[in-house]
Amino acid sequence: MGATVEQYLGQLDTSRRPDLPETTTGTLRLDVRDDGSTDHWYLTVADQQVRVTRSADDAELVVRADREVFDRMARGELHPGAGLLRNELTVQGNMRLLMLLRRIFAGPDGARHPRELGRAALVGQGATTARDERR
């Protein structure tokens, strides 16, 4: 996982991402502030793919934060929703696209979806059912 937002977005794979909803499309602009200047990253989401370019064009959702905040998101240390609630980042536009950032910026190293943990636990237990336990 990239140590900085630039490294993370620069190596973001443009192949199909099954974790993104098939029907979700949109544009996001990330305004990364650092020492009085702002870098702009433009993300286009369509067909379960994310294309990243450097542009200050208008987008459906604009997310603004300091570089340190975006770096924490790139390392999986900060959930975008939590950053919003803590006023660490600001958003303008279509809020439903904010949750895409959660899927674009991966979680912490070694993190697993709760459903995966539940399935693994069931496999380890032999997947007994309530009917089996009554016997």
N, C-alpha and C. Protein backbone atom coordinates (compact mmCIF):
# COMPACT_ATOMS: atom_id res chain seq x y z
N MET A 1 0.85 -1.17 0.00
CA MET A 1 0.00 0.00 0.00
C MET A 1 0.89 1.23 0.00
N GLY A 2 0.55 2.24 -0.81
CA GLY A 2 1.36 3.44 -0.93
C GLY A 2 1.44 4.23 0.36
N ALA A 3 2.59 4.81 0.59
CA ALA A 3 2.79 5.61 1.80
C ALA A 3 2.18 7.00 1.65
N THR A 4 2.05 7.48 0.41
CA THR A 4 1.45 8.80 0.18
C THR A 4 0.30 8.66 -0.81
N VAL A 5 -0.55 9.67 -0.81
CA VAL A 5 -1.69 9.65 -1.72
C VAL A 5 -1.22 9.65 -3.17
N GLU A 6 -0.13 10.36 -3.47
CA GLU A 6 0.39 10.38 -4.84
C GLU A 6 0.83 8.98 -5.27
N GLN A 7 1.56 8.28 -4.40
CA GLN A 7 2.00 6.94 -4.73
C GLN A 7 0.81 6.00 -4.91
N TYR A 8 -0.15 6.11 -4.01
CA TYR A 8 -1.30 5.22 -4.06
C TYR A 8 -2.10 5.44 -5.35
N LEU A 9 -2.43 6.70 -5.65
CA LEU A 9 -3.22 6.98 -6.85
C LEU A 9 -2.42 6.70 -8.12
N GLY A 10 -1.10 6.92 -8.07
CA GLY A 10 -0.26 6.66 -9.23
C GLY A 10 -0.18 5.19 -9.59
N GLN A 11 -0.31 4.32 -8.61
CA GLN A 11 -0.23 2.88 -8.88
C GLN A 11 -1.59 2.21 -8.89
N LEU A 12 -2.66 2.98 -8.79
CA LEU A 12 -4.00 2.42 -8.78
C LEU A 12 -4.26 1.70 -10.10
N ASP A 13 -4.60 0.46 -10.01
CA ASP A 13 -4.83 -0.39 -11.17
C ASP A 13 -6.13 0.01 -11.86
N THR A 14 -6.10 0.09 -13.18
CA THR A 14 -7.30 0.47 -13.93
C THR A 14 -8.13 -0.74 -14.35
N SER A 15 -7.74 -1.93 -13.90
CA SER A 15 -8.53 -3.10 -14.26
C SER A 15 -9.86 -3.11 -13.50
N ARG A 16 -10.71 -4.01 -13.86
CA ARG A 16 -12.04 -4.13 -13.26
C ARG A 16 -11.92 -4.39 -11.76
N ARG A 17 -12.75 -3.69 -10.97
CA ARG A 17 -12.74 -3.83 -9.52
C ARG A 17 -14.11 -4.34 -9.07
N PRO A 18 -14.21 -5.63 -8.75
CA PRO A 18 -15.50 -6.20 -8.38
C PRO A 18 -16.07 -5.63 -7.08
N ASP A 19 -15.26 -4.94 -6.28
CA ASP A 19 -15.76 -4.35 -5.04
C ASP A 19 -16.56 -3.07 -5.30
N LEU A 20 -16.50 -2.53 -6.51
CA LEU A 20 -17.29 -1.35 -6.86
C LEU A 20 -18.63 -1.78 -7.46
N PRO A 21 -19.71 -1.11 -7.08
CA PRO A 21 -21.02 -1.46 -7.65
C PRO A 21 -21.02 -1.30 -9.17
N GLU A 22 -21.63 -2.25 -9.86
CA GLU A 22 -21.65 -2.23 -11.33
C GLU A 22 -22.35 -1.00 -11.90
N THR A 23 -23.38 -0.54 -11.22
CA THR A 23 -24.19 0.54 -11.77
C THR A 23 -23.72 1.93 -11.36
N THR A 24 -22.72 2.02 -10.51
CA THR A 24 -22.27 3.32 -10.03
C THR A 24 -21.29 3.94 -11.00
N THR A 25 -21.60 5.16 -11.39
CA THR A 25 -20.70 5.94 -12.23
C THR A 25 -20.61 7.34 -11.64
N GLY A 26 -19.51 7.99 -11.86
CA GLY A 26 -19.37 9.35 -11.37
C GLY A 26 -17.95 9.85 -11.47
N THR A 27 -17.80 11.13 -11.15
CA THR A 27 -16.49 11.76 -11.16
C THR A 27 -16.22 12.37 -9.79
N LEU A 28 -15.00 12.21 -9.33
CA LEU A 28 -14.58 12.76 -8.05
C LEU A 28 -13.29 13.55 -8.27
N ARG A 29 -13.17 14.66 -7.59
CA ARG A 29 -11.91 15.40 -7.61
C ARG A 29 -11.40 15.50 -6.19
N LEU A 30 -10.16 15.11 -6.01
CA LEU A 30 -9.52 15.20 -4.71
C LEU A 30 -8.60 16.41 -4.74
N ASP A 31 -8.87 17.38 -3.87
CA ASP A 31 -8.04 18.58 -3.75
C ASP A 31 -7.13 18.39 -2.55
N VAL A 32 -5.87 18.12 -2.82
CA VAL A 32 -4.89 17.80 -1.78
C VAL A 32 -4.10 19.08 -1.47
N ARG A 33 -4.33 19.65 -0.28
CA ARG A 33 -3.67 20.90 0.12
C ARG A 33 -2.35 20.60 0.84
N ASP A 34 -1.34 21.42 0.49
CA ASP A 34 -0.04 21.25 1.13
C ASP A 34 0.76 22.54 1.00
N ASP A 35 1.10 23.17 2.11
CA ASP A 35 1.94 24.37 2.14
C ASP A 35 1.49 25.45 1.16
N GLY A 36 0.22 25.77 1.17
CA GLY A 36 -0.30 26.86 0.35
C GLY A 36 -0.58 26.50 -1.10
N SER A 37 -0.32 25.29 -1.51
CA SER A 37 -0.65 24.88 -2.88
C SER A 37 -1.64 23.72 -2.82
N THR A 38 -2.28 23.48 -3.94
CA THR A 38 -3.28 22.41 -4.01
C THR A 38 -3.01 21.56 -5.24
N ASP A 39 -2.89 20.25 -5.03
CA ASP A 39 -2.80 19.29 -6.13
C ASP A 39 -4.19 18.73 -6.37
N HIS A 40 -4.54 18.56 -7.65
CA HIS A 40 -5.86 18.05 -8.01
C HIS A 40 -5.73 16.68 -8.66
N TRP A 41 -6.51 15.73 -8.17
CA TRP A 41 -6.58 14.38 -8.73
C TRP A 41 -8.03 14.15 -9.15
N TYR A 42 -8.21 13.71 -10.38
CA TYR A 42 -9.55 13.53 -10.95
C TYR A 42 -9.78 12.04 -11.16
N LEU A 43 -10.82 11.51 -10.52
CA LEU A 43 -11.13 10.09 -10.62
C LEU A 43 -12.45 9.92 -11.38
N THR A 44 -12.42 9.08 -12.38
CA THR A 44 -13.62 8.75 -13.14
C THR A 44 -13.96 7.30 -12.87
N VAL A 45 -15.17 7.06 -12.35
CA VAL A 45 -15.61 5.71 -12.00
C VAL A 45 -16.71 5.30 -12.97
N ALA A 46 -16.51 4.17 -13.64
CA ALA A 46 -17.51 3.62 -14.56
C ALA A 46 -17.16 2.17 -14.84
N ASP A 47 -18.17 1.34 -14.99
CA ASP A 47 -17.98 -0.07 -15.34
C ASP A 47 -17.01 -0.77 -14.38
N GLN A 48 -17.14 -0.49 -13.10
CA GLN A 48 -16.29 -1.08 -12.06
C GLN A 48 -14.81 -0.80 -12.28
N GLN A 49 -14.50 0.32 -12.89
CA GLN A 49 -13.12 0.73 -13.12
C GLN A 49 -12.93 2.16 -12.62
N VAL A 50 -11.70 2.48 -12.22
CA VAL A 50 -11.36 3.82 -11.77
C VAL A 50 -10.20 4.31 -12.62
N ARG A 51 -10.42 5.43 -13.29
CA ARG A 51 -9.37 6.06 -14.08
C ARG A 51 -8.92 7.31 -13.35
N VAL A 52 -7.62 7.48 -13.17
CA VAL A 52 -7.07 8.60 -12.41
C VAL A 52 -6.27 9.50 -13.33
N THR A 53 -6.56 10.80 -13.28
CA THR A 53 -5.79 11.79 -14.03
C THR A 53 -5.53 12.98 -13.11
N ARG A 54 -4.68 13.88 -13.56
CA ARG A 54 -4.42 15.11 -12.82
C ARG A 54 -5.18 16.22 -13.52
N SER A 55 -6.22 16.74 -12.86
CA SER A 55 -7.04 17.77 -13.48
C SER A 55 -7.81 18.52 -12.41
N ALA A 56 -8.06 19.80 -12.67
CA ALA A 56 -8.87 20.62 -11.78
C ALA A 56 -10.27 20.83 -12.35
N ASP A 57 -10.67 19.98 -13.30
CA ASP A 57 -12.00 20.08 -13.90
C ASP A 57 -13.09 19.90 -12.85
N ASP A 58 -14.28 20.40 -13.15
CA ASP A 58 -15.42 20.20 -12.26
C ASP A 58 -15.74 18.71 -12.17
N ALA A 59 -16.16 18.29 -10.99
CA ALA A 59 -16.53 16.90 -10.76
C ALA A 59 -17.84 16.85 -9.99
N GLU A 60 -18.49 15.69 -10.01
CA GLU A 60 -19.74 15.54 -9.28
C GLU A 60 -19.54 15.64 -7.77
N LEU A 61 -18.36 15.22 -7.30
CA LEU A 61 -18.02 15.34 -5.88
C LEU A 61 -16.59 15.84 -5.77
N VAL A 62 -16.42 16.88 -4.95
CA VAL A 62 -15.09 17.43 -4.69
C VAL A 62 -14.78 17.20 -3.22
N VAL A 63 -13.64 16.57 -2.95
CA VAL A 63 -13.20 16.29 -1.58
C VAL A 63 -11.93 17.08 -1.35
N ARG A 64 -11.92 17.90 -0.28
CA ARG A 64 -10.77 18.74 0.04
C ARG A 64 -10.22 18.38 1.41
N ALA A 65 -8.89 18.25 1.48
CA ALA A 65 -8.25 17.97 2.77
C ALA A 65 -6.76 18.24 2.65
N ASP A 66 -6.10 18.29 3.80
CA ASP A 66 -4.65 18.41 3.82
C ASP A 66 -4.02 17.11 3.35
N ARG A 67 -2.80 17.20 2.86
CA ARG A 67 -2.08 16.04 2.35
C ARG A 67 -2.01 14.93 3.41
N GLU A 68 -1.79 15.29 4.65
CA GLU A 68 -1.67 14.30 5.73
C GLU A 68 -2.93 13.46 5.85
N VAL A 69 -4.10 14.07 5.65
CA VAL A 69 -5.37 13.34 5.74
C VAL A 69 -5.48 12.34 4.60
N PHE A 70 -5.17 12.78 3.38
CA PHE A 70 -5.22 11.86 2.24
C PHE A 70 -4.17 10.76 2.36
N ASP A 71 -3.00 11.10 2.91
CA ASP A 71 -1.98 10.07 3.13
C ASP A 71 -2.48 9.01 4.10
N ARG A 72 -3.17 9.42 5.16
CA ARG A 72 -3.73 8.45 6.10
C ARG A 72 -4.77 7.57 5.44
N MET A 73 -5.58 8.15 4.54
CA MET A 73 -6.56 7.35 3.79
C MET A 73 -5.84 6.35 2.90
N ALA A 74 -4.75 6.77 2.25
CA ALA A 74 -4.00 5.89 1.36
C ALA A 74 -3.37 4.73 2.12
N ARG A 75 -2.99 4.95 3.37
CA ARG A 75 -2.39 3.89 4.19
C ARG A 75 -3.45 3.03 4.88
N GLY A 76 -4.72 3.38 4.72
CA GLY A 76 -5.79 2.61 5.35
C GLY A 76 -6.02 2.96 6.80
N GLU A 77 -5.52 4.09 7.24
CA GLU A 77 -5.64 4.51 8.64
C GLU A 77 -6.86 5.38 8.91
N LEU A 78 -7.52 5.86 7.85
CA LEU A 78 -8.65 6.77 8.02
C LEU A 78 -9.76 6.42 7.04
N HIS A 79 -10.94 6.22 7.55
CA HIS A 79 -12.14 6.01 6.73
C HIS A 79 -12.64 7.39 6.30
N PRO A 80 -13.00 7.57 5.02
CA PRO A 80 -13.47 8.88 4.57
C PRO A 80 -14.65 9.42 5.37
N GLY A 81 -15.59 8.55 5.76
CA GLY A 81 -16.74 9.00 6.55
C GLY A 81 -16.31 9.52 7.91
N ALA A 82 -15.36 8.85 8.53
CA ALA A 82 -14.85 9.32 9.82
C ALA A 82 -14.14 10.65 9.67
N GLY A 83 -13.38 10.81 8.59
CA GLY A 83 -12.71 12.08 8.33
C GLY A 83 -13.69 13.22 8.15
N LEU A 84 -14.80 12.94 7.50
CA LEU A 84 -15.83 13.95 7.31
C LEU A 84 -16.45 14.35 8.65
N LEU A 85 -16.77 13.35 9.47
CA LEU A 85 -17.38 13.64 10.77
C LEU A 85 -16.44 14.40 11.70
N ARG A 86 -15.15 14.20 11.54
CA ARG A 86 -14.17 14.90 12.38
C ARG A 86 -13.73 16.24 11.79
N ASN A 87 -14.34 16.65 10.68
CA ASN A 87 -13.98 17.88 9.98
C ASN A 87 -12.54 17.87 9.49
N GLU A 88 -12.01 16.69 9.20
CA GLU A 88 -10.67 16.59 8.64
C GLU A 88 -10.70 16.76 7.12
N LEU A 89 -11.87 16.56 6.54
CA LEU A 89 -12.03 16.79 5.11
C LEU A 89 -13.39 17.41 4.88
N THR A 90 -13.51 18.10 3.75
CA THR A 90 -14.80 18.70 3.38
C THR A 90 -15.19 18.16 2.02
N VAL A 91 -16.49 18.11 1.79
CA VAL A 91 -17.00 17.60 0.52
C VAL A 91 -18.03 18.56 -0.03
N GLN A 92 -18.14 18.55 -1.33
CA GLN A 92 -19.13 19.38 -2.02
C GLN A 92 -19.62 18.59 -3.22
N GLY A 93 -20.94 18.40 -3.29
CA GLY A 93 -21.51 17.70 -4.43
C GLY A 93 -22.30 16.48 -4.01
N ASN A 94 -22.25 15.46 -4.85
CA ASN A 94 -23.03 14.24 -4.70
C ASN A 94 -22.43 13.36 -3.60
N MET A 95 -23.05 13.36 -2.43
CA MET A 95 -22.52 12.66 -1.26
C MET A 95 -22.49 11.14 -1.42
N ARG A 96 -23.35 10.57 -2.26
CA ARG A 96 -23.32 9.11 -2.41
C ARG A 96 -21.99 8.64 -2.97
N LEU A 97 -21.30 9.51 -3.69
CA LEU A 97 -20.00 9.15 -4.25
C LEU A 97 -18.91 9.12 -3.18
N LEU A 98 -19.16 9.74 -2.03
CA LEU A 98 -18.16 9.72 -0.97
C LEU A 98 -17.88 8.30 -0.51
N MET A 99 -18.89 7.46 -0.49
CA MET A 99 -18.68 6.08 -0.04
C MET A 99 -17.85 5.27 -1.04
N LEU A 100 -17.73 5.76 -2.28
CA LEU A 100 -16.83 5.09 -3.23
C LEU A 100 -15.38 5.21 -2.77
N LEU A 101 -15.05 6.31 -2.10
CA LEU A 101 -13.68 6.47 -1.63
C LEU A 101 -13.31 5.36 -0.66
N ARG A 102 -14.29 4.91 0.12
CA ARG A 102 -14.04 3.81 1.06
C ARG A 102 -13.60 2.56 0.30
N ARG A 103 -14.14 2.37 -0.89
CA ARG A 103 -13.79 1.19 -1.69
C ARG A 103 -12.54 1.42 -2.53
N ILE A 104 -12.30 2.66 -2.92
CA ILE A 104 -11.12 2.97 -3.74
C ILE A 104 -9.87 2.96 -2.87
N PHE A 105 -9.96 3.58 -1.69
CA PHE A 105 -8.85 3.56 -0.75
C PHE A 105 -9.03 2.34 0.15
N ALA A 106 -8.18 1.37 -0.02
CA ALA A 106 -8.31 0.12 0.73
C ALA A 106 -8.14 0.35 2.22
N GLY A 107 -8.60 -0.61 3.00
CA GLY A 107 -8.46 -0.54 4.44
C GLY A 107 -7.05 -0.88 4.87
N PRO A 108 -6.85 -1.04 6.16
CA PRO A 108 -5.52 -1.36 6.68
C PRO A 108 -5.00 -2.70 6.15
N ASP A 109 -3.68 -2.84 6.14
CA ASP A 109 -3.08 -4.11 5.72
C ASP A 109 -3.64 -5.24 6.57
N GLY A 110 -3.98 -6.34 5.92
CA GLY A 110 -4.49 -7.50 6.63
C GLY A 110 -5.97 -7.41 6.98
N ALA A 111 -6.63 -6.32 6.63
CA ALA A 111 -8.05 -6.19 6.95
C ALA A 111 -8.85 -7.14 6.08
N ARG A 112 -9.92 -7.68 6.67
CA ARG A 112 -10.81 -8.58 5.94
C ARG A 112 -12.25 -8.14 6.17
N HIS A 113 -13.07 -8.39 5.20
CA HIS A 113 -14.49 -8.06 5.31
C HIS A 113 -15.11 -8.95 6.38
N PRO A 114 -16.02 -8.42 7.20
CA PRO A 114 -16.65 -9.23 8.25
C PRO A 114 -17.33 -10.49 7.72
N ARG A 115 -17.88 -10.45 6.52
CA ARG A 115 -18.51 -11.65 5.96
C ARG A 115 -17.49 -12.76 5.73
N GLU A 116 -16.27 -12.37 5.30
CA GLU A 116 -15.23 -13.37 5.11
C GLU A 116 -14.88 -14.05 6.43
N LEU A 117 -14.81 -13.27 7.50
CA LEU A 117 -14.51 -13.83 8.81
C LEU A 117 -15.62 -14.79 9.25
N GLY A 118 -16.87 -14.41 9.01
CA GLY A 118 -18.00 -15.26 9.37
C GLY A 118 -18.00 -16.56 8.59
N ARG A 119 -17.74 -16.48 7.30
CA ARG A 119 -17.68 -17.69 6.48
C ARG A 119 -16.55 -18.61 6.93
N ALA A 120 -15.41 -18.02 7.24
CA ALA A 120 -14.28 -18.83 7.70
C ALA A 120 -14.62 -19.51 9.01
N ALA A 121 -15.32 -18.83 9.89
CA ALA A 121 -15.71 -19.43 11.17
C ALA A 121 -16.68 -20.59 10.95
N LEU A 122 -17.62 -20.42 10.01
CA LEU A 122 -18.56 -21.50 9.73
C LEU A 122 -17.86 -22.72 9.15
N VAL A 123 -16.92 -22.50 8.28
CA VAL A 123 -16.18 -23.61 7.70
C VAL A 123 -15.40 -24.33 8.79
N GLY A 124 -14.82 -23.60 9.70
CA GLY A 124 -14.06 -24.19 10.80
C GLY A 124 -14.92 -24.99 11.76
N GLN A 125 -16.21 -24.62 11.88
CA GLN A 125 -17.12 -25.32 12.79
C GLN A 125 -17.86 -26.46 12.10
N GLY A 126 -17.66 -26.62 10.84
CA GLY A 126 -18.39 -27.66 10.12
C GLY A 126 -19.77 -27.18 9.72
N ALA A 127 -20.05 -25.89 9.86
CA ALA A 127 -21.32 -25.28 9.45
C ALA A 127 -22.53 -26.01 10.02
N THR A 128 -22.57 -26.15 11.31
CA THR A 128 -23.73 -26.79 11.94
C THR A 128 -24.92 -25.85 11.91
N THR A 129 -26.10 -26.44 11.84
CA THR A 129 -27.33 -25.66 11.86
C THR A 129 -28.05 -25.92 13.17
N ALA A 130 -29.05 -25.12 13.45
CA ALA A 130 -29.83 -25.30 14.67
C ALA A 130 -30.49 -26.67 14.70
N ARG A 131 -30.93 -27.18 13.55
CA ARG A 131 -31.56 -28.50 13.47
C ARG A 131 -30.55 -29.60 13.84
N ASP A 132 -29.27 -29.44 13.39
CA ASP A 132 -28.25 -30.43 13.72
C ASP A 132 -27.97 -30.45 15.21
N GLU A 133 -28.04 -29.31 15.86
CA GLU A 133 -27.73 -29.23 17.28
C GLU A 133 -28.82 -29.86 18.14
N ARG A 134 -30.07 -29.89 17.66
CA ARG A 134 -31.17 -30.47 18.42
C ARG A 134 -31.12 -32.00 18.46
N ARG A 135 -30.45 -32.59 17.54
CA ARG A 135 -30.38 -34.07 17.46
C ARG A 135 -29.57 -34.66 18.52
